């Protein structure tokens, strides 16, 4: 059985963005560790499966508003969150799945 794993990256670092607004990208992950049940054993090294730009400013926007908007954009595109948002240096990440 092939296991697929995807991470949504909500980028809020202006230096990592092409626009002034926070964006969301879903990237297919590759298993780099031994346990596919452990999110830490996956790395976002695959292809981008979805990308959208929110209306929330990356400089001074509310990250909660960006998360809410990103969740709606992902849901409209057939994705659902199956984890909780975690902070990284330049983004917030969460595990997502395609809706069945």
N, C-alpha and C. Protein backbone atom coordinates (compact mmCIF):
# COMPACT_ATOMS: atom_id res chain seq x y z
N UNK A 1 0.84 -1.18 0.00
CA UNK A 1 0.00 0.00 0.00
C UNK A 1 0.89 1.25 0.00
N UNK A 2 0.61 2.17 -0.88
CA UNK A 2 1.35 3.43 -0.95
C UNK A 2 0.69 4.45 -0.02
N UNK A 3 1.49 5.04 0.83
CA UNK A 3 1.02 6.05 1.76
C UNK A 3 1.38 7.42 1.21
N UNK A 4 0.41 8.32 1.18
CA UNK A 4 0.70 9.70 0.78
C UNK A 4 0.54 10.60 2.00
N UNK A 5 1.31 11.66 2.01
CA UNK A 5 1.32 12.59 3.13
C UNK A 5 1.53 13.98 2.54
N UNK A 6 0.77 14.95 3.03
CA UNK A 6 0.85 16.32 2.51
C UNK A 6 0.93 17.31 3.67
N UNK A 7 1.72 18.36 3.47
CA UNK A 7 1.81 19.43 4.45
C UNK A 7 1.41 20.74 3.80
N UNK A 8 0.59 21.50 4.51
CA UNK A 8 0.22 22.85 4.07
C UNK A 8 1.17 23.83 4.75
N UNK A 9 1.75 24.72 3.94
CA UNK A 9 2.68 25.74 4.42
C UNK A 9 2.03 27.11 4.28
N UNK A 10 1.72 27.73 5.40
CA UNK A 10 1.15 29.07 5.43
C UNK A 10 2.30 30.04 5.67
N UNK A 11 2.85 30.58 4.60
CA UNK A 11 4.07 31.39 4.68
C UNK A 11 3.70 32.83 5.03
N UNK A 12 4.32 33.33 6.11
CA UNK A 12 4.03 34.69 6.57
C UNK A 12 5.29 35.55 6.68
N UNK A 13 6.39 35.09 6.11
CA UNK A 13 7.64 35.85 6.11
C UNK A 13 7.71 36.63 4.79
N UNK A 14 7.63 37.97 4.86
CA UNK A 14 7.62 38.76 3.63
C UNK A 14 8.79 38.47 2.69
N UNK A 15 9.95 38.09 3.24
CA UNK A 15 11.12 37.82 2.40
C UNK A 15 10.98 36.52 1.61
N UNK A 16 10.01 35.69 1.96
CA UNK A 16 9.82 34.41 1.28
C UNK A 16 8.58 34.42 0.38
N UNK A 17 8.00 35.60 0.17
CA UNK A 17 6.76 35.70 -0.59
C UNK A 17 6.94 36.52 -1.86
N UNK A 18 6.12 36.23 -2.85
CA UNK A 18 6.13 36.99 -4.10
C UNK A 18 5.19 38.19 -4.04
N UNK A 19 4.27 38.21 -3.09
CA UNK A 19 3.34 39.33 -2.92
C UNK A 19 3.45 39.83 -1.49
N UNK A 20 2.63 40.82 -1.15
CA UNK A 20 2.63 41.37 0.20
C UNK A 20 1.78 40.56 1.17
N UNK A 21 1.08 39.55 0.65
CA UNK A 21 0.14 38.80 1.48
C UNK A 21 0.62 37.38 1.77
N UNK A 22 0.15 36.86 2.87
CA UNK A 22 0.43 35.48 3.29
C UNK A 22 -0.09 34.54 2.22
N UNK A 23 0.68 33.48 1.92
CA UNK A 23 0.16 32.49 0.97
C UNK A 23 0.17 31.10 1.56
N UNK A 24 -0.56 30.21 0.92
CA UNK A 24 -0.69 28.82 1.36
C UNK A 24 -0.28 27.91 0.20
N UNK A 25 0.56 26.94 0.52
CA UNK A 25 0.97 25.95 -0.48
C UNK A 25 0.89 24.57 0.17
N UNK A 26 0.34 23.62 -0.56
CA UNK A 26 0.30 22.24 -0.09
C UNK A 26 1.35 21.48 -0.90
N UNK A 27 2.25 20.83 -0.18
CA UNK A 27 3.36 20.11 -0.79
C UNK A 27 3.29 18.64 -0.42
N UNK A 28 3.50 17.79 -1.42
CA UNK A 28 3.55 16.36 -1.14
C UNK A 28 4.84 16.05 -0.40
N UNK A 29 4.73 15.25 0.65
CA UNK A 29 5.88 14.91 1.48
C UNK A 29 6.48 13.57 1.06
N UNK A 30 7.75 13.42 1.38
CA UNK A 30 8.45 12.15 1.15
C UNK A 30 8.87 11.60 2.51
N UNK A 31 8.74 10.29 2.68
CA UNK A 31 9.11 9.63 3.92
C UNK A 31 10.63 9.60 4.04
N UNK A 32 11.16 10.23 5.07
CA UNK A 32 12.61 10.27 5.27
C UNK A 32 13.01 9.48 6.51
N UNK A 33 12.03 9.07 7.29
CA UNK A 33 12.28 8.26 8.48
C UNK A 33 11.63 6.90 8.32
N UNK A 34 11.55 6.18 9.39
CA UNK A 34 11.04 4.82 9.32
C UNK A 34 9.58 4.62 9.66
N UNK A 35 8.93 5.65 10.18
CA UNK A 35 7.56 5.46 10.65
C UNK A 35 6.60 6.40 9.93
N UNK A 36 5.80 5.87 9.00
CA UNK A 36 4.87 6.75 8.28
C UNK A 36 3.77 7.35 9.16
N UNK A 37 3.60 6.82 10.36
CA UNK A 37 2.59 7.37 11.29
C UNK A 37 3.12 8.58 12.04
N UNK A 38 4.42 8.84 11.98
CA UNK A 38 5.05 9.94 12.69
C UNK A 38 5.25 11.12 11.74
N UNK A 39 4.57 12.24 11.98
CA UNK A 39 4.70 13.40 11.10
C UNK A 39 6.14 13.87 10.96
N UNK A 40 6.97 13.66 11.98
CA UNK A 40 8.36 14.06 11.93
C UNK A 40 9.22 13.24 10.98
N UNK A 41 8.70 12.12 10.52
CA UNK A 41 9.43 11.26 9.59
C UNK A 41 9.15 11.62 8.13
N UNK A 42 8.44 12.72 7.91
CA UNK A 42 8.12 13.18 6.56
C UNK A 42 8.79 14.52 6.30
N UNK A 43 9.13 14.79 5.05
CA UNK A 43 9.69 16.09 4.66
C UNK A 43 9.02 16.56 3.39
N UNK A 44 8.70 17.85 3.33
CA UNK A 44 8.04 18.43 2.15
C UNK A 44 9.07 18.60 1.04
N UNK A 45 9.22 17.55 0.24
CA UNK A 45 10.20 17.56 -0.83
C UNK A 45 9.57 17.23 -2.18
N UNK A 46 8.26 17.05 -2.20
CA UNK A 46 7.59 16.70 -3.44
C UNK A 46 7.04 17.91 -4.16
N UNK A 47 6.12 17.64 -5.05
CA UNK A 47 5.52 18.69 -5.87
C UNK A 47 4.47 19.48 -5.10
N UNK A 48 4.30 20.74 -5.49
CA UNK A 48 3.23 21.57 -4.95
C UNK A 48 1.92 21.08 -5.55
N UNK A 49 0.97 20.78 -4.68
CA UNK A 49 -0.33 20.26 -5.10
C UNK A 49 -1.41 21.34 -5.16
N UNK A 50 -1.17 22.44 -4.42
CA UNK A 50 -2.14 23.54 -4.35
C UNK A 50 -1.39 24.78 -3.89
N UNK A 51 -1.79 25.94 -4.44
CA UNK A 51 -1.21 27.22 -4.01
C UNK A 51 -2.26 28.30 -4.14
N UNK A 52 -2.32 29.19 -3.15
CA UNK A 52 -3.23 30.33 -3.19
C UNK A 52 -2.64 31.45 -2.32
N UNK A 53 -3.03 32.66 -2.63
CA UNK A 53 -2.61 33.83 -1.87
C UNK A 53 -3.81 34.34 -1.09
N UNK A 54 -3.61 34.60 0.20
CA UNK A 54 -4.68 35.15 1.03
C UNK A 54 -4.73 36.66 0.85
N UNK A 55 -5.68 37.28 1.52
CA UNK A 55 -5.79 38.74 1.52
C UNK A 55 -5.15 39.34 2.76
N UNK A 56 -4.49 38.53 3.58
CA UNK A 56 -3.92 38.98 4.85
C UNK A 56 -2.47 39.43 4.64
N UNK A 57 -2.17 40.62 5.09
CA UNK A 57 -0.82 41.19 4.96
C UNK A 57 0.20 40.34 5.72
N UNK A 58 1.32 40.06 5.08
CA UNK A 58 2.38 39.31 5.73
C UNK A 58 3.13 40.17 6.76
N UNK A 59 3.12 41.48 6.57
CA UNK A 59 3.84 42.37 7.49
C UNK A 59 3.12 42.56 8.82
N UNK A 60 1.84 42.88 8.74
CA UNK A 60 1.14 43.21 9.98
C UNK A 60 -0.24 42.57 10.09
N UNK A 61 -0.47 41.53 9.32
CA UNK A 61 -1.76 40.84 9.37
C UNK A 61 -1.86 39.88 10.54
N UNK A 62 -3.07 39.51 10.86
CA UNK A 62 -3.37 38.60 11.95
C UNK A 62 -3.23 37.16 11.45
N UNK A 63 -2.32 36.38 12.06
CA UNK A 63 -2.08 35.01 11.60
C UNK A 63 -3.32 34.15 11.77
N UNK A 64 -4.12 34.43 12.77
CA UNK A 64 -5.36 33.67 12.95
C UNK A 64 -6.31 33.90 11.77
N UNK A 65 -6.39 35.14 11.30
CA UNK A 65 -7.22 35.45 10.13
C UNK A 65 -6.65 34.76 8.88
N UNK A 66 -5.33 34.73 8.77
CA UNK A 66 -4.70 34.06 7.63
C UNK A 66 -4.97 32.56 7.66
N UNK A 67 -4.92 31.97 8.84
CA UNK A 67 -5.21 30.54 8.96
C UNK A 67 -6.65 30.24 8.58
N UNK A 68 -7.57 31.06 9.05
CA UNK A 68 -8.98 30.87 8.74
C UNK A 68 -9.22 30.99 7.24
N UNK A 69 -8.64 32.00 6.61
CA UNK A 69 -8.81 32.17 5.17
C UNK A 69 -8.16 31.02 4.40
N UNK A 70 -6.97 30.61 4.83
CA UNK A 70 -6.28 29.50 4.17
C UNK A 70 -7.08 28.21 4.28
N UNK A 71 -7.68 27.97 5.44
CA UNK A 71 -8.50 26.78 5.62
C UNK A 71 -9.67 26.78 4.66
N UNK A 72 -10.30 27.92 4.47
CA UNK A 72 -11.42 28.02 3.52
C UNK A 72 -10.95 27.79 2.09
N UNK A 73 -9.81 28.38 1.72
CA UNK A 73 -9.26 28.19 0.38
C UNK A 73 -8.94 26.72 0.12
N UNK A 74 -8.33 26.07 1.11
CA UNK A 74 -7.99 24.66 0.96
C UNK A 74 -9.25 23.80 0.85
N UNK A 75 -10.23 24.09 1.71
CA UNK A 75 -11.48 23.32 1.68
C UNK A 75 -12.17 23.46 0.33
N UNK A 76 -12.22 24.67 -0.21
CA UNK A 76 -12.82 24.89 -1.52
C UNK A 76 -12.11 24.12 -2.62
N UNK A 77 -10.81 23.85 -2.42
CA UNK A 77 -10.01 23.12 -3.40
C UNK A 77 -9.98 21.61 -3.13
N UNK A 78 -10.73 21.16 -2.11
CA UNK A 78 -10.82 19.73 -1.86
C UNK A 78 -9.85 19.17 -0.84
N UNK A 79 -9.34 20.02 0.05
CA UNK A 79 -8.40 19.59 1.08
C UNK A 79 -9.01 19.81 2.46
N UNK A 80 -8.56 19.00 3.44
CA UNK A 80 -9.00 19.20 4.82
C UNK A 80 -7.82 19.03 5.76
N UNK A 81 -7.84 19.76 6.83
CA UNK A 81 -6.79 19.71 7.85
C UNK A 81 -7.00 18.48 8.73
N UNK A 82 -5.90 17.76 9.00
CA UNK A 82 -5.97 16.59 9.87
C UNK A 82 -4.96 16.69 11.01
N UNK A 83 -4.47 17.86 11.26
CA UNK A 83 -3.52 18.08 12.34
C UNK A 83 -3.75 19.45 12.96
N UNK A 84 -2.76 19.94 13.65
CA UNK A 84 -2.84 21.27 14.25
C UNK A 84 -1.69 22.11 13.68
N UNK A 85 -1.93 23.40 13.60
CA UNK A 85 -0.93 24.32 13.07
C UNK A 85 0.29 24.36 14.00
N UNK A 86 1.48 24.28 13.42
CA UNK A 86 2.74 24.43 14.15
C UNK A 86 3.54 25.56 13.51
N UNK A 87 4.25 26.32 14.34
CA UNK A 87 5.07 27.42 13.84
C UNK A 87 6.45 26.93 13.42
N UNK A 88 6.96 27.48 12.31
CA UNK A 88 8.35 27.30 11.89
C UNK A 88 8.95 28.70 11.80
N UNK A 89 10.16 28.80 11.29
CA UNK A 89 10.83 30.12 11.22
C UNK A 89 10.12 31.10 10.30
N UNK A 90 9.51 30.61 9.21
CA UNK A 90 8.90 31.53 8.24
C UNK A 90 7.49 31.15 7.82
N UNK A 91 6.89 30.21 8.57
CA UNK A 91 5.56 29.74 8.17
C UNK A 91 4.89 29.00 9.33
N UNK A 92 3.63 28.71 9.11
CA UNK A 92 2.89 27.80 9.96
C UNK A 92 2.56 26.60 9.10
N UNK A 93 2.70 25.39 9.66
CA UNK A 93 2.46 24.19 8.88
C UNK A 93 1.41 23.31 9.56
N UNK A 94 0.74 22.51 8.71
CA UNK A 94 -0.25 21.58 9.22
C UNK A 94 -0.38 20.43 8.22
N UNK A 95 -0.64 19.24 8.73
CA UNK A 95 -0.87 18.08 7.86
C UNK A 95 -2.28 18.18 7.28
N UNK A 96 -2.39 17.88 5.99
CA UNK A 96 -3.69 17.93 5.31
C UNK A 96 -3.88 16.66 4.48
N UNK A 97 -5.14 16.39 4.13
CA UNK A 97 -5.51 15.28 3.26
C UNK A 97 -6.47 15.78 2.22
N UNK A 98 -6.51 15.06 1.10
CA UNK A 98 -7.53 15.35 0.09
C UNK A 98 -8.86 14.80 0.56
N UNK A 99 -9.92 15.56 0.34
CA UNK A 99 -11.25 15.07 0.69
C UNK A 99 -11.58 13.87 -0.19
N UNK A 100 -12.23 12.91 0.41
CA UNK A 100 -12.61 11.68 -0.34
C UNK A 100 -13.77 11.95 -1.27
